[in-house]
PDB file of N, CA and C in Angstrom:
ATOM      1  N   UNK A   1      31.362   1.677   3.060  1.00  0.00           N
ATOM      2  CA  UNK A   1      32.479   0.711   3.318  1.00  0.00           C
ATOM      3  C   UNK A   1      33.772   1.001   2.497  1.00  0.00           C
ATOM      4  N   UNK A   2      34.724   0.589   2.784  1.00  0.00           N
ATOM      5  CA  UNK A   2      35.923   0.425   2.408  1.00  0.00           C
ATOM      6  C   UNK A   2      36.634  -1.209   2.384  1.00  0.00           C
ATOM      7  N   UNK A   3      36.931  -1.417   1.246  1.00  0.00           N
ATOM      8  CA  UNK A   3      37.231  -3.262   1.228  1.00  0.00           C
ATOM      9  C   UNK A   3      36.261  -4.346   2.490  1.00  0.00           C
ATOM     10  N   UNK A   4      35.111  -3.928   2.103  1.00  0.00           N
ATOM     11  CA  UNK A   4      34.516  -4.978   3.473  1.00  0.00           C
ATOM     12  C   UNK A   4      34.080  -4.072   4.620  1.00  0.00           C
ATOM     13  N   UNK A   5      34.673  -3.328   5.231  1.00  0.00           N
ATOM     14  CA  UNK A   5      34.922  -2.946   6.349  1.00  0.00           C
ATOM     15  C   UNK A   5      34.102  -1.429   6.603  1.00  0.00           C
ATOM     16  N   UNK A   6      33.085  -1.664   7.315  1.00  0.00           N
ATOM     17  CA  UNK A   6      32.500  -0.633   7.894  1.00  0.00           C
ATOM     18  C   UNK A   6      33.143   0.386   8.237  1.00  0.00           C
ATOM     19  N   UNK A   7      33.268   2.114   7.202  1.00  0.00           N
ATOM     20  CA  UNK A   7      34.145   3.523   7.955  1.00  0.00           C
ATOM     21  C   UNK A   7      32.916   4.435   8.667  1.00  0.00           C
ATOM     22  N   UNK A   8      31.855   4.232   8.799  1.00  0.00           N
ATOM     23  CA  UNK A   8      31.552   5.580   8.812  1.00  0.00           C
ATOM     24  C   UNK A   8      29.359   4.906   8.761  1.00  0.00           C
ATOM     25  N   UNK A   9      28.951   5.294  10.082  1.00  0.00           N
ATOM     26  CA  UNK A   9      27.357   4.753   9.463  1.00  0.00           C
ATOM     27  C   UNK A   9      26.515   5.954  10.261  1.00  0.00           C
ATOM     28  N   UNK A  10      25.434   6.300   9.688  1.00  0.00           N
ATOM     29  CA  UNK A  10      24.404   7.111   9.513  1.00  0.00           C
ATOM     30  C   UNK A  10      23.107   6.318   9.909  1.00  0.00           C
ATOM     31  N   UNK A  11      22.053   6.814  10.707  1.00  0.00           N
ATOM     32  CA  UNK A  11      20.836   6.129  10.912  1.00  0.00           C
ATOM     33  C   UNK A  11      19.687   7.385  10.248  1.00  0.00           C
ATOM     34  N   UNK A  12      19.005   6.596   9.774  1.00  0.00           N
ATOM     35  CA  UNK A  12      17.310   7.897   9.188  1.00  0.00           C
ATOM     36  C   UNK A  12      16.608   7.669  10.964  1.00  0.00           C
ATOM     37  N   UNK A  13      15.738   8.723  10.337  1.00  0.00           N
ATOM     38  CA  UNK A  13      14.664   8.461  11.269  1.00  0.00           C
ATOM     39  C   UNK A  13      13.628   7.122  11.543  1.00  0.00           C
ATOM     40  N   UNK A  14      12.700   7.069  12.508  1.00  0.00           N
ATOM     41  CA  UNK A  14      12.392   5.538  12.486  1.00  0.00           C
ATOM     42  C   UNK A  14      11.305   6.156  12.224  1.00  0.00           C
ATOM     43  N   UNK A  15      10.166   4.645  11.646  1.00  0.00           N
ATOM     44  CA  UNK A  15       8.963   5.209  10.901  1.00  0.00           C
ATOM     45  C   UNK A  15       8.030   4.520  11.587  1.00  0.00           C
ATOM     46  N   UNK A  16       7.387   4.797  12.717  1.00  0.00           N
ATOM     47  CA  UNK A  16       6.768   3.812  13.787  1.00  0.00           C
ATOM     48  C   UNK A  16       5.407   3.947  13.274  1.00  0.00           C
ATOM     49  N   UNK A  17       4.658   2.654  13.123  1.00  0.00           N
ATOM     50  CA  UNK A  17       3.576   2.226  13.071  1.00  0.00           C
ATOM     51  C   UNK A  17       2.826   2.123  11.795  1.00  0.00           C
ATOM     52  N   UNK A  18       4.016   2.505  10.543  1.00  0.00           N
ATOM     53  CA  UNK A  18       3.597   2.637   9.173  1.00  0.00           C
ATOM     54  C   UNK A  18       3.710   0.927   8.500  1.00  0.00           C
ATOM     55  N   UNK A  19       2.452   1.042   7.600  1.00  0.00           N
ATOM     56  CA  UNK A  19       2.725  -0.336   6.686  1.00  0.00           C
ATOM     57  C   UNK A  19       3.352  -0.237   5.727  1.00  0.00           C
ATOM     58  N   UNK A  20       3.735   1.536   4.859  1.00  0.00           N
ATOM     59  CA  UNK A  20       4.556   1.215   3.888  1.00  0.00           C
ATOM     60  C   UNK A  20       5.068   2.778   3.983  1.00  0.00           C
ATOM     61  N   UNK A  21       6.371   2.538   5.102  1.00  0.00           N
ATOM     62  CA  UNK A  21       6.883   3.999   5.159  1.00  0.00           C
ATOM     63  C   UNK A  21       7.860   4.669   3.795  1.00  0.00           C
ATOM     64  N   UNK A  22       7.920   5.853   3.949  1.00  0.00           N
ATOM     65  CA  UNK A  22       9.118   6.623   2.794  1.00  0.00           C
ATOM     66  C   UNK A  22      10.256   6.963   3.515  1.00  0.00           C
ATOM     67  N   UNK A  23      11.302   6.524   3.252  1.00  0.00           N
ATOM     68  CA  UNK A  23      12.123   7.453   3.500  1.00  0.00           C
ATOM     69  C   UNK A  23      12.585   8.240   2.388  1.00  0.00           C
ATOM     70  N   UNK A  24      12.460  10.055   3.348  1.00  0.00           N
ATOM     71  CA  UNK A  24      12.887  10.751   1.866  1.00  0.00           C
ATOM     72  C   UNK A  24      14.061  11.575   2.974  1.00  0.00           C
ATOM     73  N   UNK A  25      14.986  11.516   3.056  1.00  0.00           N
ATOM     74  CA  UNK A  25      16.127  12.082   3.908  1.00  0.00           C
ATOM     75  C   UNK A  25      17.319  12.054   3.191  1.00  0.00           C
ATOM     76  N   UNK A  26      18.040  12.767   3.073  1.00  0.00           N
ATOM     77  CA  UNK A  26      19.132  12.889   2.653  1.00  0.00           C
ATOM     78  C   UNK A  26      20.475  12.775   4.009  1.00  0.00           C
ATOM     79  N   UNK A  27      21.374  11.927   2.983  1.00  0.00           N
ATOM     80  CA  UNK A  27      22.384  12.152   4.070  1.00  0.00           C
ATOM     81  C   UNK A  27      23.951  12.384   3.191  1.00  0.00           C
ATOM     82  N   UNK A  28      24.556  12.641   3.868  1.00  0.00           N
ATOM     83  CA  UNK A  28      26.163  13.692   3.394  1.00  0.00           C
ATOM     84  C   UNK A  28      26.995  12.885   3.803  1.00  0.00           C
ATOM     85  N   UNK A  29      28.092  12.396   3.471  1.00  0.00           N
ATOM     86  CA  UNK A  29      29.625  11.979   3.742  1.00  0.00           C
ATOM     87  C   UNK A  29      30.775  12.538   3.096  1.00  0.00           C
ATOM     88  N   UNK A  30      31.688  13.357   4.145  1.00  0.00           N
ATOM     89  CA  UNK A  30      32.456  13.745   3.242  1.00  0.00           C
ATOM     90  C   UNK A  30      33.675  12.911   3.065  1.00  0.00           C
ATOM     91  N   UNK A  31      33.834  12.846   1.823  1.00  0.00           N
ATOM     92  CA  UNK A  31      35.098  11.789   1.191  1.00  0.00           C
ATOM     93  C   UNK A  31      35.742  12.080  -0.181  1.00  0.00           C
ATOM     94  N   UNK A  32      37.137  11.922   1.014  1.00  0.00           N
ATOM     95  CA  UNK A  32      38.354  12.111  -0.207  1.00  0.00           C
ATOM     96  C   UNK A  32      38.102  12.024  -1.617  1.00  0.00           C
ATOM     97  N   UNK A  33      38.286  12.675  -2.567  1.00  0.00           N
ATOM     98  CA  UNK A  33      38.305  11.989  -3.910  1.00  0.00           C
ATOM     99  C   UNK A  33      38.797  10.861  -4.397  1.00  0.00           C
ATOM    100  N   UNK A  34      40.418  10.500  -3.643  1.00  0.00           N
ATOM    101  CA  UNK A  34      41.021   9.404  -4.043  1.00  0.00           C
ATOM    102  C   UNK A  34      40.401   8.508  -3.821  1.00  0.00           C
ATOM    103  N   UNK A  35      39.162   7.979  -2.908  1.00  0.00           N
ATOM    104  CA  UNK A  35      38.904   6.999  -2.388  1.00  0.00           C
ATOM    105  C   UNK A  35      37.701   6.619  -3.419  1.00  0.00           C
ATOM    106  N   UNK A  36      37.114   7.439  -4.215  1.00  0.00           N
ATOM    107  CA  UNK A  36      35.496   7.399  -4.225  1.00  0.00           C
ATOM    108  C   UNK A  36      35.430   5.944  -5.348  1.00  0.00           C
ATOM    109  N   UNK A  37      36.858   5.742  -6.139  1.00  0.00           N
ATOM    110  CA  UNK A  37      36.887   4.205  -6.656  1.00  0.00           C
ATOM    111  C   UNK A  37      36.600   3.258  -5.586  1.00  0.00           C
ATOM    112  N   UNK A  38      37.059   3.436  -4.122  1.00  0.00           N
ATOM    113  CA  UNK A  38      37.218   1.685  -3.583  1.00  0.00           C
ATOM    114  C   UNK A  38      36.202   2.206  -2.848  1.00  0.00           C
ATOM    115  N   UNK A  39      35.275   3.069  -2.528  1.00  0.00           N
ATOM    116  CA  UNK A  39      34.439   3.034  -1.312  1.00  0.00           C
ATOM    117  C   UNK A  39      32.987   3.030  -1.861  1.00  0.00           C
ATOM    118  N   UNK A  40      32.024   2.173  -1.340  1.00  0.00           N
ATOM    119  CA  UNK A  40      30.602   1.953  -1.627  1.00  0.00           C
ATOM    120  C   UNK A  40      29.869   2.106  -0.202  1.00  0.00           C
ATOM    121  N   UNK A  41      28.311   2.106  -0.597  1.00  0.00           N
ATOM    122  CA  UNK A  41      27.274   2.450   0.363  1.00  0.00           C
ATOM    123  C   UNK A  41      26.468   1.244   0.423  1.00  0.00           C
ATOM    124  N   UNK A  42      26.341   1.069   1.636  1.00  0.00           N
ATOM    125  CA  UNK A  42      25.735  -0.165   1.845  1.00  0.00           C
ATOM    126  C   UNK A  42      24.914   0.521   2.840  1.00  0.00           C
ATOM    127  N   UNK A  43      23.272   0.379   2.033  1.00  0.00           N
ATOM    128  CA  UNK A  43      21.713   1.370   2.420  1.00  0.00           C
ATOM    129  C   UNK A  43      20.998  -0.258   3.010  1.00  0.00           C
ATOM    130  N   UNK A  44      21.101  -0.413   4.401  1.00  0.00           N
ATOM    131  CA  UNK A  44      20.305  -1.242   4.538  1.00  0.00           C
ATOM    132  C   UNK A  44      18.916  -1.038   5.575  1.00  0.00           C
ATOM    133  N   UNK A  45      17.547  -1.647   5.163  1.00  0.00           N
ATOM    134  CA  UNK A  45      16.601  -1.391   5.564  1.00  0.00           C
ATOM    135  C   UNK A  45      16.370  -2.498   6.556  1.00  0.00           C
ATOM    136  N   UNK A  46      15.942  -1.746   7.754  1.00  0.00           N
ATOM    137  CA  UNK A  46      16.033  -2.687   9.322  1.00  0.00           C
ATOM    138  C   UNK A  46      14.373  -2.411   9.964  1.00  0.00           C
ATOM    139  N   UNK A  47      13.314  -3.610  10.137  1.00  0.00           N
ATOM    140  CA  UNK A  47      12.073  -3.438  11.137  1.00  0.00           C
ATOM    141  C   UNK A  47      12.679  -3.654  12.509  1.00  0.00           C
ATOM    142  N   UNK A  48      12.074  -2.564  13.075  1.00  0.00           N
ATOM    143  CA  UNK A  48      12.348  -2.727  14.391  1.00  0.00           C
ATOM    144  C   UNK A  48      11.518  -3.379  15.491  1.00  0.00           C
ATOM    145  N   UNK A  49      12.051  -3.649  16.445  1.00  0.00           N
ATOM    146  CA  UNK A  49      11.138  -5.165  17.201  1.00  0.00           C
ATOM    147  C   UNK A  49      10.476  -4.180  18.172  1.00  0.00           C
ATOM    148  N   UNK A  50       8.661  -4.217  18.317  1.00  0.00           N
ATOM    149  CA  UNK A  50       8.248  -3.684  19.829  1.00  0.00           C
ATOM    150  C   UNK A  50       9.116  -3.660  21.109  1.00  0.00           C
ATOM    151  N   UNK A  51      10.001  -4.784  21.117  1.00  0.00           N
ATOM    152  CA  UNK A  51      10.621  -4.987  22.266  1.00  0.00           C
ATOM    153  C   UNK A  51      11.387  -4.201  22.471  1.00  0.00           C
ATOM    154  N   UNK A  52      12.248  -3.309  22.855  1.00  0.00           N
ATOM    155  CA  UNK A  52      13.530  -2.392  23.289  1.00  0.00           C
ATOM    156  C   UNK A  52      14.891  -3.113  23.279  1.00  0.00           C
ATOM    157  N   UNK A  53      14.896  -4.413  24.001  1.00  0.00           N
ATOM    158  CA  UNK A  53      15.763  -5.018  24.293  1.00  0.00           C
ATOM    159  C   UNK A  53      15.705  -6.249  23.080  1.00  0.00           C
ATOM    160  N   UNK A  54      15.107  -6.189  22.056  1.00  0.00           N
ATOM    161  CA  UNK A  54      15.344  -6.819  21.221  1.00  0.00           C
ATOM    162  C   UNK A  54      16.535  -6.036  19.956  1.00  0.00           C
ATOM    163  N   UNK A  55      16.751  -6.714  19.350  1.00  0.00           N
ATOM    164  CA  UNK A  55      17.506  -5.939  18.248  1.00  0.00           C
ATOM    165  C   UNK A  55      16.797  -6.024  16.605  1.00  0.00           C
ATOM    166  N   UNK A  56      16.533  -5.363  16.086  1.00  0.00           N
ATOM    167  CA  UNK A  56      15.697  -5.029  14.938  1.00  0.00           C
ATOM    168  C   UNK A  56      16.602  -5.994  13.623  1.00  0.00           C
ATOM    169  N   UNK A  57      15.754  -6.322  12.773  1.00  0.00           N
ATOM    170  CA  UNK A  57      16.438  -7.378  11.774  1.00  0.00           C
ATOM    171  C   UNK A  57      15.989  -6.956  10.173  1.00  0.00           C
ATOM    172  N   UNK A  58      17.273  -6.853   9.697  1.00  0.00           N
ATOM    173  CA  UNK A  58      17.322  -6.071   8.598  1.00  0.00           C
ATOM    174  C   UNK A  58      16.172  -7.027   7.498  1.00  0.00           C
ATOM    175  N   UNK A  59      15.757  -6.018   6.421  1.00  0.00           N
ATOM    176  CA  UNK A  59      13.887  -7.152   5.631  1.00  0.00           C
ATOM    177  C   UNK A  59      15.497  -7.225   4.439  1.00  0.00           C
ATOM    178  N   UNK A  60      16.133  -5.690   3.780  1.00  0.00           N
ATOM    179  CA  UNK A  60      16.755  -6.231   2.656  1.00  0.00           C
ATOM    180  C   UNK A  60      17.884  -4.769   2.732  1.00  0.00           C
ATOM    181  N   UNK A  61      19.034  -5.086   1.070  1.00  0.00           N
ATOM    182  CA  UNK A  61      19.809  -3.695   1.643  1.00  0.00           C
ATOM    183  C   UNK A  61      19.901  -3.305   0.174  1.00  0.00           C
ATOM    184  N   UNK A  62      20.533  -2.219   0.145  1.00  0.00           N
ATOM    185  CA  UNK A  62      21.306  -1.739  -1.420  1.00  0.00           C
ATOM    186  C   UNK A  62      22.900  -2.072  -1.342  1.00  0.00           C
ATOM    187  N   UNK A  63      23.566  -2.220  -2.400  1.00  0.00           N
ATOM    188  CA  UNK A  63      25.094  -1.344  -2.018  1.00  0.00           C
ATOM    189  C   UNK A  63      24.865  -0.603  -3.632  1.00  0.00           C
ATOM    190  N   UNK A  64      25.486   0.461  -3.347  1.00  0.00           N
ATOM    191  CA  UNK A  64      25.446   1.542  -4.246  1.00  0.00           C
ATOM    192  C   UNK A  64      26.956   2.225  -4.280  1.00  0.00           C
ATOM    193  N   UNK A  65      27.611   1.933  -5.492  1.00  0.00           N
ATOM    194  CA  UNK A  65      29.502   2.325  -5.493  1.00  0.00           C
ATOM    195  C   UNK A  65      29.588   1.986  -6.917  1.00  0.00           C
ATOM    196  N   UNK A  66      31.432   2.609  -6.904  1.00  0.00           N
ATOM    197  CA  UNK A  66      32.321   2.057  -8.151  1.00  0.00           C
ATOM    198  C   UNK A  66      32.158   0.681  -8.754  1.00  0.00           C
ATOM    199  N   UNK A  67      32.048  -0.061  -7.872  1.00  0.00           N
ATOM    200  CA  UNK A  67      32.009  -1.688  -7.909  1.00  0.00           C
ATOM    201  C   UNK A  67      30.623  -2.643  -8.275  1.00  0.00           C
ATOM    202  N   UNK A  68      29.484  -1.691  -8.283  1.00  0.00           N
ATOM    203  CA  UNK A  68      28.144  -2.293  -7.867  1.00  0.00           C
ATOM    204  C   UNK A  68      27.773  -2.072  -9.567  1.00  0.00           C
ATOM    205  N   UNK A  69      26.532  -2.250 -10.030  1.00  0.00           N
ATOM    206  CA  UNK A  69      26.296  -2.733 -11.674  1.00  0.00           C
ATOM    207  C   UNK A  69      24.384  -2.657 -11.668  1.00  0.00           C
ATOM    208  N   UNK A  70      24.396  -2.339 -12.556  1.00  0.00           N
ATOM    209  CA  UNK A  70      23.123  -2.079 -13.202  1.00  0.00           C
ATOM    210  C   UNK A  70      22.587  -0.609 -12.481  1.00  0.00           C
ATOM    211  N   UNK A  71      21.142  -0.440 -11.879  1.00  0.00           N
ATOM    212  CA  UNK A  71      20.847   0.621 -11.454  1.00  0.00           C
ATOM    213  C   UNK A  71      21.541   1.050  -9.954  1.00  0.00           C
ATOM    214  N   UNK A  72      22.187   0.267  -9.410  1.00  0.00           N
ATOM    215  CA  UNK A  72      22.957   1.209  -7.855  1.00  0.00           C
ATOM    216  C   UNK A  72      24.521   1.625  -9.046  1.00  0.00           C
ATOM    217  N   UNK A  73      24.619   1.362 -10.289  1.00  0.00           N
ATOM    218  CA  UNK A  73      26.407   1.734 -10.662  1.00  0.00           C
ATOM    219  C   UNK A  73      26.201   3.380 -11.151  1.00  0.00           C
ATOM    220  N   UNK A  74      24.134   3.384 -11.467  1.00  0.00           N
ATOM    221  CA  UNK A  74      23.865   4.534 -12.500  1.00  0.00           C
ATOM    222  C   UNK A  74      23.342   5.557 -11.434  1.00  0.00           C
ATOM    223  N   UNK A  75      23.148   5.365 -10.510  1.00  0.00           N
ATOM    224  CA  UNK A  75      22.739   5.762  -9.128  1.00  0.00           C
ATOM    225  C   UNK A  75      24.070   6.752  -8.644  1.00  0.00           C
ATOM    226  N   UNK A  76      25.073   5.598  -8.591  1.00  0.00           N
ATOM    227  CA  UNK A  76      26.517   5.927  -8.236  1.00  0.00           C
ATOM    228  C   UNK A  76      27.225   7.512  -8.933  1.00  0.00           C
ATOM    229  N   UNK A  77      27.063   6.731 -10.164  1.00  0.00           N
ATOM    230  CA  UNK A  77      27.364   7.786 -11.847  1.00  0.00           C
ATOM    231  C   UNK A  77      26.841   9.536 -11.393  1.00  0.00           C
ATOM    232  N   UNK A  78      25.706   9.517 -11.117  1.00  0.00           N
ATOM    233  CA  UNK A  78      24.506  10.442 -10.977  1.00  0.00           C
ATOM    234  C   UNK A  78      24.922  11.290 -10.514  1.00  0.00           C
ATOM    235  N   UNK A  79      25.259  10.526  -8.922  1.00  0.00           N
ATOM    236  CA  UNK A  79      25.689  11.151  -7.593  1.00  0.00           C
ATOM    237  C   UNK A  79      27.282  12.043  -7.804  1.00  0.00           C
ATOM    238  N   UNK A  80      28.335  11.043  -8.366  1.00  0.00           N
ATOM    239  CA  UNK A  80      29.466  12.085  -8.531  1.00  0.00           C
ATOM    240  C   UNK A  80      29.159  12.839  -9.613  1.00  0.00           C
ATOM    241  N   UNK A  81      28.308  13.057 -10.659  1.00  0.00           N
ATOM    242  CA  UNK A  81      28.228  14.030 -11.412  1.00  0.00           C
ATOM    243  C   UNK A  81      27.451  15.283 -11.057  1.00  0.00           C
ATOM    244  N   UNK A  82      26.627  14.775  -9.577  1.00  0.00           N
ATOM    245  CA  UNK A  82      25.876  16.324  -9.086  1.00  0.00           C
ATOM    246  C   UNK A  82      26.423  16.455  -7.726  1.00  0.00           C
ATOM    247  N   UNK A  83      27.793  16.639  -7.399  1.00  0.00           N
ATOM    248  CA  UNK A  83      28.156  16.898  -6.168  1.00  0.00           C
ATOM    249  C   UNK A  83      27.551  17.403  -5.198  1.00  0.00           C
ATOM    250  N   UNK A  84      27.430  17.289  -4.067  1.00  0.00           N
ATOM    251  CA  UNK A  84      26.543  18.343  -2.604  1.00  0.00           C
ATOM    252  C   UNK A  84      25.147  18.355  -3.219  1.00  0.00           C
ATOM    253  N   UNK A  85      24.609  17.390  -3.996  1.00  0.00           N
ATOM    254  CA  UNK A  85      23.054  17.598  -4.681  1.00  0.00           C
ATOM    255  C   UNK A  85      22.516  16.142  -4.539  1.00  0.00           C
ATOM    256  N   UNK A  86      21.220  16.708  -4.138  1.00  0.00           N
ATOM    257  CA  UNK A  86      20.548  15.193  -3.950  1.00  0.00           C
ATOM    258  C   UNK A  86      20.168  14.325  -4.935  1.00  0.00           C
ATOM    259  N   UNK A  87      20.305  13.297  -4.791  1.00  0.00           N
ATOM    260  CA  UNK A  87      19.668  12.628  -5.988  1.00  0.00           C
ATOM    261  C   UNK A  87      19.412  11.144  -5.686  1.00  0.00           C
ATOM    262  N   UNK A  88      17.560  11.245  -6.259  1.00  0.00           N
ATOM    263  CA  UNK A  88      17.257  10.095  -5.448  1.00  0.00           C
ATOM    264  C   UNK A  88      16.453   8.991  -6.705  1.00  0.00           C
ATOM    265  N   UNK A  89      16.526   7.987  -6.278  1.00  0.00           N
ATOM    266  CA  UNK A  89      16.361   6.746  -6.795  1.00  0.00           C
ATOM    267  C   UNK A  89      15.993   5.739  -6.528  1.00  0.00           C
ATOM    268  N   UNK A  90      14.655   4.977  -6.638  1.00  0.00           N
ATOM    269  CA  UNK A  90      14.332   3.908  -6.296  1.00  0.00           C
ATOM    270  C   UNK A  90      15.205   2.299  -6.405  1.00  0.00           C
ATOM    271  N   UNK A  91      15.243   2.009  -5.195  1.00  0.00           N
ATOM    272  CA  UNK A  91      16.270   0.487  -5.550  1.00  0.00           C
ATOM    273  C   UNK A  91      15.371  -0.814  -4.693  1.00  0.00           C
ATOM    274  N   UNK A  92      15.375  -2.019  -5.563  1.00  0.00           N
ATOM    275  CA  UNK A  92      15.027  -3.292  -5.004  1.00  0.00           C
ATOM    276  C   UNK A  92      15.886  -3.568  -4.040  1.00  0.00           C
ATOM    277  N   UNK A  93      15.201  -3.790  -2.973  1.00  0.00           N
ATOM    278  CA  UNK A  93      16.192  -4.859  -1.644  1.00  0.00           C
ATOM    279  C   UNK A  93      16.569  -6.204  -2.100  1.00  0.00           C
ATOM    280  N   UNK A  94      17.947  -6.203  -1.642  1.00  0.00           N
ATOM    281  CA  UNK A  94      18.422  -8.142  -1.712  1.00  0.00           C
ATOM    282  C   UNK A  94      18.573  -8.206  -0.410  1.00  0.00           C
ATOM    283  N   UNK A  95      18.185  -9.314   0.024  1.00  0.00           N
ATOM    284  CA  UNK A  95      18.724 -10.277   1.427  1.00  0.00           C
ATOM    285  C   UNK A  95      20.029  -9.929   1.564  1.00  0.00           C
TER     286      UNK A  95
END
């Protein structure tokens, strides 16, 4: 996201019929260096409906970026110091 507008979207695989799914996937985005201070990643966890015609509902989200605080900012800074390398971290979801 940049200035509260979605500029790109990626989706992980769907975990079907799992009570405690673990998402261990990496995502890579090509981002110009001059925009790193103004963009943020919004990671949303959604629960899919068994009915394909019904939209999935968001369980929660986390925002990671230069304007974030706490653990999310720490994750962002680790990603910037280890470019092109995976950086894993647990986050608490917000509504």
